[in-house]
Amino acid sequence: MTTTVITGTTNGIGLATARVLAKNQHRLLMLCRNLKAAEAVAREITKETSNSDIIPIFCDLSSLESVQKATTIIRQEVDQIDILINNAGIISPDQQFSVDGFELTMAVNHLGPFLLTRSLESLLKEGQVINLASKAHQFCRASELLAESNFLSAEPYAAFKTYARSKLANILFSFFYAKQPKINIASHCLDPGPVGTNIVPTHNMFSRGLNKIWKVIGPSPARGAKTTLHLALSAPDSLVSGLYWENAKPTNASQAANDQILQQICWDHSNRMAGIV
């Protein structure tokens, strides 16, 4: 049985992905901030698929401590992981900071998944990491990554630019990770496309309205899960590590994403911020 850890499965692409993986008899460890909702999803998926090997685990990706606690629970549940899917993500419409003092979108989209991945390395040997990035990364230039200043711009907060920065960081990490022979873990990243999900936090009326509209006009989460599922369900030896995918095919990432010096900078400062020596 394939053991898969996946973040953010209570709605959207994560839920669509979890459903199909469960049908394919993956053992699922679902890391979610809303544990009650995750437990309900687990029961629903078990009813649909007869797969009872589904374990919801609380994890708030904006908190490094919460990520570390989640990895402790994972280690108690399994001794090997075949696939880690870093699916969860947000766009914070206004500037907020995590409990660790990092910009919220960057904390949830990059630092939390970065620490999760690095903390699970010993269980992931010869496994795969699938990072959900975005075509939005193309809107962040190399000079705008700002890793040295904790990925924080001195300019007035711009939600989309911050999101683009987090997605560029995802790809820089994914590309760099694939080139580490001592780690020996395949690394893939992808653009799921413009999908109607709850990516914008619903803490105010505008955000709730935006999510509702986008769910109506945006492509379905099932369509957004296509590339993730292609990678997760393909034979591992049929996939080339270190590529950027779109519509289940490799494609080109931006010039900044392919900058090897920038990859090293992102790696070094992400480790620093996550407290990894």
C-alpha atoms as a PDB file:
ATOM      1  CA  MET A   1       0.000   0.000   0.000  1.00  0.00           C
ATOM      2  CA  THR A   2       1.245   3.487  -0.897  1.00  0.00           C
ATOM      3  CA  THR A   3       1.480   5.838   2.070  1.00  0.00           C
ATOM      4  CA  THR A   4       0.730   9.467   1.205  1.00  0.00           C
ATOM      5  CA  VAL A   5       0.841  12.565   3.397  1.00  0.00           C
ATOM      6  CA  ILE A   6      -1.205  15.464   2.014  1.00  0.00           C
ATOM      7  CA  THR A   7      -2.002  18.926   3.371  1.00  0.00           C
ATOM      8  CA  GLY A   8      -5.250  20.827   3.002  1.00  0.00           C
ATOM      9  CA  THR A   9      -7.876  18.190   2.174  1.00  0.00           C
ATOM     10  CA  THR A  10     -11.064  19.713   3.598  1.00  0.00           C
ATOM     11  CA  ASN A  11     -11.986  21.411   0.310  1.00  0.00           C
ATOM     12  CA  GLY A  12     -10.816  22.252  -3.190  1.00  0.00           C
ATOM     13  CA  ILE A  13      -7.945  20.515  -4.943  1.00  0.00           C
ATOM     14  CA  GLY A  14      -6.828  18.719  -1.778  1.00  0.00           C
ATOM     15  CA  LEU A  15     -10.228  17.120  -1.272  1.00  0.00           C
ATOM     16  CA  ALA A  16     -10.481  16.104  -4.927  1.00  0.00           C
ATOM     17  CA  THR A  17      -6.974  14.624  -4.745  1.00  0.00           C
ATOM     18  CA  ALA A  18      -7.621  12.741  -1.506  1.00  0.00           C
ATOM     19  CA  ARG A  19     -10.784  11.153  -2.904  1.00  0.00           C
ATOM     20  CA  VAL A  20      -9.001   9.702  -5.929  1.00  0.00           C
ATOM     21  CA  LEU A  21      -5.970   8.549  -3.953  1.00  0.00           C
ATOM     22  CA  ALA A  22      -8.247   6.775  -1.464  1.00  0.00           C
ATOM     23  CA  LYS A  23     -10.005   5.024  -4.352  1.00  0.00           C
ATOM     24  CA  ASN A  24      -6.572   3.860  -5.431  1.00  0.00           C
ATOM     25  CA  GLN A  25      -6.035   2.409  -1.941  1.00  0.00           C
ATOM     26  CA  HIS A  26      -3.464   4.897  -0.709  1.00  0.00           C
ATOM     27  CA  ARG A  27      -3.044   5.113   3.037  1.00  0.00           C
ATOM     28  CA  LEU A  28      -3.717   8.799   3.641  1.00  0.00           C
ATOM     29  CA  LEU A  29      -2.433  11.023   6.416  1.00  0.00           C
ATOM     30  CA  MET A  30      -4.362  14.273   5.960  1.00  0.00           C
ATOM     31  CA  LEU A  31      -2.857  17.361   7.603  1.00  0.00           C
ATOM     32  CA  CYS A  32      -5.468  20.074   8.111  1.00  0.00           C
ATOM     33  CA  ARG A  33      -5.975  23.174  10.252  1.00  0.00           C
ATOM     34  CA  ASN A  34      -9.670  22.331  10.787  1.00  0.00           C
ATOM     35  CA  LEU A  35      -9.442  18.890  12.388  1.00  0.00           C
ATOM     36  CA  LYS A  36     -13.204  18.500  12.833  1.00  0.00           C
ATOM     37  CA  ALA A  37     -13.765  19.113   9.119  1.00  0.00           C
ATOM     38  CA  ALA A  38     -10.916  16.742   8.254  1.00  0.00           C
ATOM     39  CA  GLU A  39     -12.456  14.004  10.380  1.00  0.00           C
ATOM     40  CA  ALA A  40     -15.765  14.488   8.584  1.00  0.00           C
ATOM     41  CA  VAL A  41     -13.993  14.281   5.215  1.00  0.00           C
ATOM     42  CA  ALA A  42     -12.223  11.088   6.292  1.00  0.00           C
ATOM     43  CA  ARG A  43     -15.551   9.471   7.202  1.00  0.00           C
ATOM     44  CA  GLU A  44     -17.071  10.595   3.918  1.00  0.00           C
ATOM     45  CA  ILE A  45     -14.174   9.266   1.837  1.00  0.00           C
ATOM     46  CA  THR A  46     -14.192   5.955   3.722  1.00  0.00           C
ATOM     47  CA  LYS A  47     -17.907   5.602   2.995  1.00  0.00           C
ATOM     48  CA  GLU A  48     -17.317   6.357  -0.698  1.00  0.00           C
ATOM     49  CA  THR A  49     -14.246   4.159  -1.194  1.00  0.00           C
ATOM     50  CA  SER A  50     -14.302   1.524   1.600  1.00  0.00           C
ATOM     51  CA  ASN A  51     -10.769   2.702   2.392  1.00  0.00           C
ATOM     52  CA  SER A  52     -10.546   3.092   6.158  1.00  0.00           C
ATOM     53  CA  ASP A  53      -6.801   3.804   6.153  1.00  0.00           C
ATOM     54  CA  ILE A  54      -7.297   7.556   6.433  1.00  0.00           C
ATOM     55  CA  ILE A  55      -5.813   9.475   9.348  1.00  0.00           C
ATOM     56  CA  PRO A  56      -6.660  13.171   9.932  1.00  0.00           C
ATOM     57  CA  ILE A  57      -3.950  15.101  11.779  1.00  0.00           C
ATOM     58  CA  PHE A  58      -4.110  18.673  13.043  1.00  0.00           C
ATOM     59  CA  CYS A  59      -1.544  20.952  11.437  1.00  0.00           C
ATOM     60  CA  ASP A  60      -1.503  24.727  11.167  1.00  0.00           C
ATOM     61  CA  LEU A  61       1.107  25.409   8.498  1.00  0.00           C
ATOM     62  CA  SER A  62       1.474  29.008   9.657  1.00  0.00           C
ATOM     63  CA  SER A  63       3.017  27.748  12.920  1.00  0.00           C
ATOM     64  CA  LEU A  64       6.413  26.045  12.889  1.00  0.00           C
ATOM     65  CA  GLU A  65       5.614  24.453  16.261  1.00  0.00           C
ATOM     66  CA  SER A  66       2.371  23.012  14.895  1.00  0.00           C
ATOM     67  CA  VAL A  67       4.228  21.547  11.900  1.00  0.00           C
ATOM     68  CA  GLN A  68       6.760  19.931  14.232  1.00  0.00           C
ATOM     69  CA  LYS A  69       3.987  18.445  16.373  1.00  0.00           C
ATOM     70  CA  ALA A  70       2.293  17.060  13.271  1.00  0.00           C
ATOM     71  CA  THR A  71       5.499  15.373  12.148  1.00  0.00           C
ATOM     72  CA  THR A  72       5.794  13.745  15.576  1.00  0.00           C
ATOM     73  CA  ILE A  73       2.312  12.275  15.161  1.00  0.00           C
ATOM     74  CA  ILE A  74       3.129  11.106  11.635  1.00  0.00           C
ATOM     75  CA  ARG A  75       6.184   9.265  12.962  1.00  0.00           C
ATOM     76  CA  GLN A  76       3.985   7.531  15.512  1.00  0.00           C
ATOM     77  CA  GLU A  77       1.622   6.374  12.757  1.00  0.00           C
ATOM     78  CA  VAL A  78       3.996   5.233   9.995  1.00  0.00           C
ATOM     79  CA  ASP A  79       7.638   4.310   9.481  1.00  0.00           C
ATOM     80  CA  GLN A  80       7.740   5.109   5.770  1.00  0.00           C
ATOM     81  CA  ILE A  81       6.173   7.698   3.466  1.00  0.00           C
ATOM     82  CA  ASP A  82       6.007   7.182  -0.286  1.00  0.00           C
ATOM     83  CA  ILE A  83       4.561  10.562  -1.269  1.00  0.00           C
ATOM     84  CA  LEU A  84       4.266  13.964   0.403  1.00  0.00           C
ATOM     85  CA  ILE A  85       1.874  16.378  -1.310  1.00  0.00           C
ATOM     86  CA  ASN A  86       2.284  19.992  -0.199  1.00  0.00           C
ATOM     87  CA  ASN A  87      -1.148  21.097  -1.389  1.00  0.00           C
ATOM     88  CA  ALA A  88      -2.466  23.680   1.089  1.00  0.00           C
ATOM     89  CA  GLY A  89      -2.107  27.356   0.294  1.00  0.00           C
ATOM     90  CA  ILE A  90      -3.648  30.788   0.832  1.00  0.00           C
ATOM     91  CA  ILE A  91      -3.685  34.346  -0.471  1.00  0.00           C
ATOM     92  CA  SER A  92      -4.076  36.717   2.453  1.00  0.00           C
ATOM     93  CA  PRO A  93      -5.964  39.778   1.136  1.00  0.00           C
ATOM     94  CA  ASP A  94      -4.336  42.014   3.745  1.00  0.00           C
ATOM     95  CA  GLN A  95      -1.023  41.828   5.540  1.00  0.00           C
ATOM     96  CA  GLN A  96      -0.977  39.491   8.517  1.00  0.00           C
ATOM     97  CA  PHE A  97       1.821  37.775  10.385  1.00  0.00           C
ATOM     98  CA  SER A  98       2.188  34.254  11.701  1.00  0.00           C
ATOM     99  CA  VAL A  99       2.779  33.382  15.335  1.00  0.00           C
ATOM    100  CA  ASP A 100       6.486  33.123  14.420  1.00  0.00           C
ATOM    101  CA  GLY A 101       6.510  36.657  13.020  1.00  0.00           C
ATOM    102  CA  PHE A 102       6.579  35.783   9.315  1.00  0.00           C
ATOM    103  CA  GLU A 103       4.242  37.166   6.666  1.00  0.00           C
ATOM    104  CA  LEU A 104       1.204  34.856   6.682  1.00  0.00           C
ATOM    105  CA  THR A 105       0.997  33.918   2.998  1.00  0.00           C
ATOM    106  CA  MET A 106       4.707  33.081   2.950  1.00  0.00           C
ATOM    107  CA  ALA A 107       4.439  31.128   6.213  1.00  0.00           C
ATOM    108  CA  VAL A 108       1.555  28.942   5.008  1.00  0.00           C
ATOM    109  CA  ASN A 109       2.612  28.537   1.390  1.00  0.00           C
ATOM    110  CA  HIS A 110       6.346  28.077   1.770  1.00  0.00           C
ATOM    111  CA  LEU A 111       7.892  27.959   5.246  1.00  0.00           C
ATOM    112  CA  GLY A 112       5.395  25.491   6.726  1.00  0.00           C
ATOM    113  CA  PRO A 113       5.652  23.044   3.787  1.00  0.00           C
ATOM    114  CA  PHE A 114       9.438  23.534   3.714  1.00  0.00           C
ATOM    115  CA  LEU A 115       9.768  22.538   7.378  1.00  0.00           C
ATOM    116  CA  LEU A 116       7.293  19.673   6.930  1.00  0.00           C
ATOM    117  CA  THR A 117       9.289  18.269   4.034  1.00  0.00           C
ATOM    118  CA  ARG A 118      12.636  18.590   5.754  1.00  0.00           C
ATOM    119  CA  SER A 119      11.287  17.090   8.992  1.00  0.00           C
ATOM    120  CA  LEU A 120      10.004  14.008   7.150  1.00  0.00           C
ATOM    121  CA  GLU A 121      13.143  13.317   5.105  1.00  0.00           C
ATOM    122  CA  SER A 122      14.101  10.166   6.990  1.00  0.00           C
ATOM    123  CA  LEU A 123      10.659   8.657   6.272  1.00  0.00           C
ATOM    124  CA  LEU A 124      10.656   9.810   2.645  1.00  0.00           C
ATOM    125  CA  LYS A 125      13.882   8.145   1.491  1.00  0.00           C
ATOM    126  CA  GLU A 126      13.447   7.145  -2.170  1.00  0.00           C
ATOM    127  CA  GLY A 127       9.977   8.697  -2.039  1.00  0.00           C
ATOM    128  CA  GLN A 128       8.510  11.744  -3.758  1.00  0.00           C
ATOM    129  CA  VAL A 129       7.533  15.288  -2.815  1.00  0.00           C
ATOM    130  CA  ILE A 130       4.884  17.060  -4.898  1.00  0.00           C
ATOM    131  CA  ASN A 131       4.714  20.825  -4.372  1.00  0.00           C
ATOM    132  CA  LEU A 132       1.722  22.782  -5.642  1.00  0.00           C
ATOM    133  CA  ALA A 133       3.095  26.035  -6.995  1.00  0.00           C
ATOM    134  CA  SER A 134       1.449  28.367  -9.505  1.00  0.00           C
ATOM    135  CA  LYS A 135       1.971  30.158 -12.784  1.00  0.00           C
ATOM    136  CA  ALA A 136       1.762  33.261 -10.597  1.00  0.00           C
ATOM    137  CA  HIS A 137       5.457  32.715  -9.795  1.00  0.00           C
ATOM    138  CA  GLN A 138       6.207  34.384 -13.142  1.00  0.00           C
ATOM    139  CA  PHE A 139       5.139  37.715 -11.639  1.00  0.00           C
ATOM    140  CA  CYS A 140       7.967  37.707  -9.096  1.00  0.00           C
ATOM    141  CA  ARG A 141      11.403  38.716 -10.342  1.00  0.00           C
ATOM    142  CA  ALA A 142      14.592  37.399  -8.782  1.00  0.00           C
ATOM    143  CA  SER A 143      15.201  40.771  -7.139  1.00  0.00           C
ATOM    144  CA  GLU A 144      11.754  40.567  -5.508  1.00  0.00           C
ATOM    145  CA  LEU A 145      12.261  37.268  -3.664  1.00  0.00           C
ATOM    146  CA  LEU A 146      13.789  39.109  -0.677  1.00  0.00           C
ATOM    147  CA  ALA A 147      14.852  35.944   1.135  1.00  0.00           C
ATOM    148  CA  GLU A 148      17.501  37.863   3.049  1.00  0.00           C
ATOM    149  CA  SER A 149      14.762  39.988   4.662  1.00  0.00           C
ATOM    150  CA  ASN A 150      12.506  37.016   5.511  1.00  0.00           C
ATOM    151  CA  PHE A 151      10.747  37.327   2.127  1.00  0.00           C
ATOM    152  CA  LEU A 152       9.239  40.592   3.364  1.00  0.00           C
ATOM    153  CA  SER A 153       8.991  43.654   1.154  1.00  0.00           C
ATOM    154  CA  ALA A 154       9.410  47.178   2.484  1.00  0.00           C
ATOM    155  CA  GLU A 155       6.821  48.308  -0.059  1.00  0.00           C
ATOM    156  CA  PRO A 156       3.112  48.583   0.835  1.00  0.00           C
ATOM    157  CA  TYR A 157       1.514  45.144   1.045  1.00  0.00           C
ATOM    158  CA  ALA A 158       0.336  43.690  -2.274  1.00  0.00           C
ATOM    159  CA  ALA A 159      -1.567  40.405  -1.909  1.00  0.00           C
ATOM    160  CA  PHE A 160      -0.897  38.996  -5.366  1.00  0.00           C
ATOM    161  CA  LYS A 161       2.785  39.951  -5.364  1.00  0.00           C
ATOM    162  CA  THR A 162       3.223  38.261  -1.992  1.00  0.00           C
ATOM    163  CA  TYR A 163       1.456  35.157  -3.300  1.00  0.00           C
ATOM    164  CA  ALA A 164       3.684  35.185  -6.403  1.00  0.00           C
ATOM    165  CA  ARG A 165       6.757  35.435  -4.146  1.00  0.00           C
ATOM    166  CA  SER A 166       5.621  32.400  -2.143  1.00  0.00           C
ATOM    167  CA  LYS A 167       5.044  30.385  -5.315  1.00  0.00           C
ATOM    168  CA  LEU A 168       8.473  31.311  -6.693  1.00  0.00           C
ATOM    169  CA  ALA A 169       9.935  30.102  -3.387  1.00  0.00           C
ATOM    170  CA  ASN A 170       8.051  26.800  -3.797  1.00  0.00           C
ATOM    171  CA  ILE A 171       9.656  26.198  -7.187  1.00  0.00           C
ATOM    172  CA  LEU A 172      13.134  27.319  -6.150  1.00  0.00           C
ATOM    173  CA  PHE A 173      12.935  24.868  -3.245  1.00  0.00           C
ATOM    174  CA  SER A 174      11.585  22.061  -5.429  1.00  0.00           C
ATOM    175  CA  PHE A 175      14.290  22.482  -8.062  1.00  0.00           C
ATOM    176  CA  PHE A 176      17.094  22.726  -5.496  1.00  0.00           C
ATOM    177  CA  TYR A 177      15.794  19.752  -3.521  1.00  0.00           C
ATOM    178  CA  ALA A 178      15.786  17.529  -6.606  1.00  0.00           C
ATOM    179  CA  LYS A 179      19.522  18.101  -7.019  1.00  0.00           C
ATOM    180  CA  GLN A 180      20.526  16.898  -3.535  1.00  0.00           C
ATOM    181  CA  PRO A 181      21.945  13.356  -3.952  1.00  0.00           C
ATOM    182  CA  LYS A 182      22.373  12.795  -0.222  1.00  0.00           C
ATOM    183  CA  ILE A 183      18.661  13.420   0.327  1.00  0.00           C
ATOM    184  CA  ASN A 184      17.594  10.993  -2.438  1.00  0.00           C
ATOM    185  CA  ILE A 185      13.981  12.157  -2.650  1.00  0.00           C
ATOM    186  CA  ALA A 186      12.308  12.954  -5.976  1.00  0.00           C
ATOM    187  CA  SER A 187      10.906  16.474  -6.130  1.00  0.00           C
ATOM    188  CA  HIS A 188       8.162  17.753  -8.440  1.00  0.00           C
ATOM    189  CA  CYS A 189       6.290  21.051  -8.609  1.00  0.00           C
ATOM    190  CA  LEU A 190       3.263  22.072 -10.610  1.00  0.00           C
ATOM    191  CA  ASP A 191       0.734  24.690 -11.588  1.00  0.00           C
ATOM    192  CA  PRO A 192      -2.800  23.338 -10.944  1.00  0.00           C
ATOM    193  CA  GLY A 193      -4.361  26.086 -13.043  1.00  0.00           C
ATOM    194  CA  PRO A 194      -6.929  28.731 -12.036  1.00  0.00           C
ATOM    195  CA  VAL A 195      -9.266  26.670  -9.887  1.00  0.00           C
ATOM    196  CA  GLY A 196     -12.322  27.653  -7.829  1.00  0.00           C
ATOM    197  CA  THR A 197     -11.213  26.931  -4.238  1.00  0.00           C
ATOM    198  CA  ASN A 198     -11.104  28.523  -0.767  1.00  0.00           C
ATOM    199  CA  ILE A 199      -7.570  29.858  -1.288  1.00  0.00           C
ATOM    200  CA  VAL A 200      -8.579  33.313  -0.041  1.00  0.00           C
ATOM    201  CA  PRO A 201      -9.187  33.251   3.761  1.00  0.00           C
ATOM    202  CA  THR A 202     -12.831  34.057   4.557  1.00  0.00           C
ATOM    203  CA  HIS A 203     -12.249  36.397   7.487  1.00  0.00           C
ATOM    204  CA  ASN A 204     -14.225  39.271   5.952  1.00  0.00           C
ATOM    205  CA  MET A 205     -17.265  39.807   3.722  1.00  0.00           C
ATOM    206  CA  PHE A 206     -15.207  40.748   0.644  1.00  0.00           C
ATOM    207  CA  SER A 207     -13.126  37.565   0.867  1.00  0.00           C
ATOM    208  CA  ARG A 208     -16.178  35.372   1.352  1.00  0.00           C
ATOM    209  CA  GLY A 209     -17.833  36.996  -1.666  1.00  0.00           C
ATOM    210  CA  LEU A 210     -14.710  36.572  -3.787  1.00  0.00           C
ATOM    211  CA  ASN A 211     -14.510  32.873  -2.937  1.00  0.00           C
ATOM    212  CA  LYS A 212     -18.177  32.327  -3.809  1.00  0.00           C
ATOM    213  CA  ILE A 213     -17.822  34.044  -7.166  1.00  0.00           C
ATOM    214  CA  TRP A 214     -14.627  32.215  -8.047  1.00  0.00           C
ATOM    215  CA  LYS A 215     -16.157  28.842  -7.156  1.00  0.00           C
ATOM    216  CA  VAL A 216     -18.883  29.516  -9.731  1.00  0.00           C
ATOM    217  CA  ILE A 217     -16.729  30.832 -12.578  1.00  0.00           C
ATOM    218  CA  GLY A 218     -13.472  28.946 -11.930  1.00  0.00           C
ATOM    219  CA  PRO A 219     -12.571  25.461 -13.210  1.00  0.00           C
ATOM    220  CA  SER A 220     -13.472  22.575 -10.907  1.00  0.00           C
ATOM    221  CA  PRO A 221     -11.125  21.288  -8.161  1.00  0.00           C
ATOM    222  CA  ALA A 222     -11.175  17.902  -9.928  1.00  0.00           C
ATOM    223  CA  ARG A 223      -9.609  19.557 -12.960  1.00  0.00           C
ATOM    224  CA  GLY A 224      -7.090  21.290 -10.715  1.00  0.00           C
ATOM    225  CA  ALA A 225      -6.103  17.936  -9.195  1.00  0.00           C
ATOM    226  CA  LYS A 226      -5.254  16.441 -12.605  1.00  0.00           C
ATOM    227  CA  THR A 227      -1.508  17.071 -12.544  1.00  0.00           C
ATOM    228  CA  THR A 228      -1.079  16.175  -8.870  1.00  0.00           C
ATOM    229  CA  LEU A 229      -2.835  12.867  -9.500  1.00  0.00           C
ATOM    230  CA  HIS A 230      -0.769  12.201 -12.611  1.00  0.00           C
ATOM    231  CA  LEU A 231       2.398  12.519 -10.549  1.00  0.00           C
ATOM    232  CA  ALA A 232       1.076  10.622  -7.521  1.00  0.00           C
ATOM    233  CA  LEU A 233      -0.333   7.694  -9.508  1.00  0.00           C
ATOM    234  CA  SER A 234       2.435   7.280 -12.093  1.00  0.00           C
ATOM    235  CA  ALA A 235       5.197   4.743 -11.550  1.00  0.00           C
ATOM    236  CA  PRO A 236       7.942   6.697  -9.750  1.00  0.00           C
ATOM    237  CA  ASP A 237      10.655   5.507 -12.132  1.00  0.00           C
ATOM    238  CA  SER A 238       8.665   6.908 -15.067  1.00  0.00           C
ATOM    239  CA  LEU A 239       9.002  10.467 -13.749  1.00  0.00           C
ATOM    240  CA  VAL A 240      11.991  12.786 -14.000  1.00  0.00           C
ATOM    241  CA  SER A 241      12.678  14.619 -10.766  1.00  0.00           C
ATOM    242  CA  GLY A 242      13.183  18.386 -10.699  1.00  0.00           C
ATOM    243  CA  LEU A 243      10.619  19.461 -13.287  1.00  0.00           C
ATOM    244  CA  TYR A 244       7.764  21.971 -13.291  1.00  0.00           C
ATOM    245  CA  TRP A 245       4.440  20.551 -14.536  1.00  0.00           C
ATOM    246  CA  GLU A 246       1.230  21.922 -16.016  1.00  0.00           C
ATOM    247  CA  ASN A 247      -1.714  19.939 -17.421  1.00  0.00           C
ATOM    248  CA  ALA A 248       0.115  16.690 -16.592  1.00  0.00           C
ATOM    249  CA  LYS A 249       3.093  17.655 -18.790  1.00  0.00           C
ATOM    250  CA  PRO A 250       6.481  19.207 -18.011  1.00  0.00           C
ATOM    251  CA  THR A 251       6.743  22.875 -18.946  1.00  0.00           C
ATOM    252  CA  ASN A 252       9.099  25.799 -18.429  1.00  0.00           C
ATOM    253  CA  ALA A 253       9.263  27.771 -15.201  1.00  0.00           C
ATOM    254  CA  SER A 254      10.435  31.383 -15.148  1.00  0.00           C
ATOM    255  CA  GLN A 255      14.028  32.527 -15.536  1.00  0.00           C
ATOM    256  CA  ALA A 256      14.099  33.440 -11.838  1.00  0.00           C
ATOM    257  CA  ALA A 257      12.932  29.931 -10.871  1.00  0.00           C
ATOM    258  CA  ASN A 258      15.830  28.433 -12.832  1.00  0.00           C
ATOM    259  CA  ASP A 259      18.429  30.749 -11.274  1.00  0.00           C
ATOM    260  CA  GLN A 260      20.714  28.344  -9.406  1.00  0.00           C
ATOM    261  CA  ILE A 261      22.184  31.069  -7.212  1.00  0.00           C
ATOM    262  CA  LEU A 262      18.665  32.142  -6.224  1.00  0.00           C
ATOM    263  CA  GLN A 263      17.787  28.509  -5.483  1.00  0.00           C
ATOM    264  CA  GLN A 264      20.708  28.318  -3.056  1.00  0.00           C
ATOM    265  CA  ILE A 265      19.738  31.631  -1.446  1.00  0.00           C
ATOM    266  CA  CYS A 266      16.146  30.492  -1.002  1.00  0.00           C
ATOM    267  CA  TRP A 267      17.328  27.180   0.480  1.00  0.00           C
ATOM    268  CA  ASP A 268      19.739  28.801   2.914  1.00  0.00           C
ATOM    269  CA  HIS A 269      17.294  31.418   4.237  1.00  0.00           C
ATOM    270  CA  SER A 270      14.356  28.999   4.377  1.00  0.00           C
ATOM    271  CA  ASN A 271      16.451  26.708   6.568  1.00  0.00           C
ATOM    272  CA  ARG A 272      17.415  29.680   8.728  1.00  0.00           C
ATOM    273  CA  MET A 273      13.807  30.826   9.146  1.00  0.00           C
ATOM    274  CA  ALA A 274      12.577  27.289   9.862  1.00  0.00           C
ATOM    275  CA  GLY A 275      15.252  26.824  12.512  1.00  0.00           C
ATOM    276  CA  ILE A 276      17.077  24.044  10.646  1.00  0.00           C
ATOM    277  CA  VAL A 277      20.840  24.013  11.136  1.00  0.00           C
END
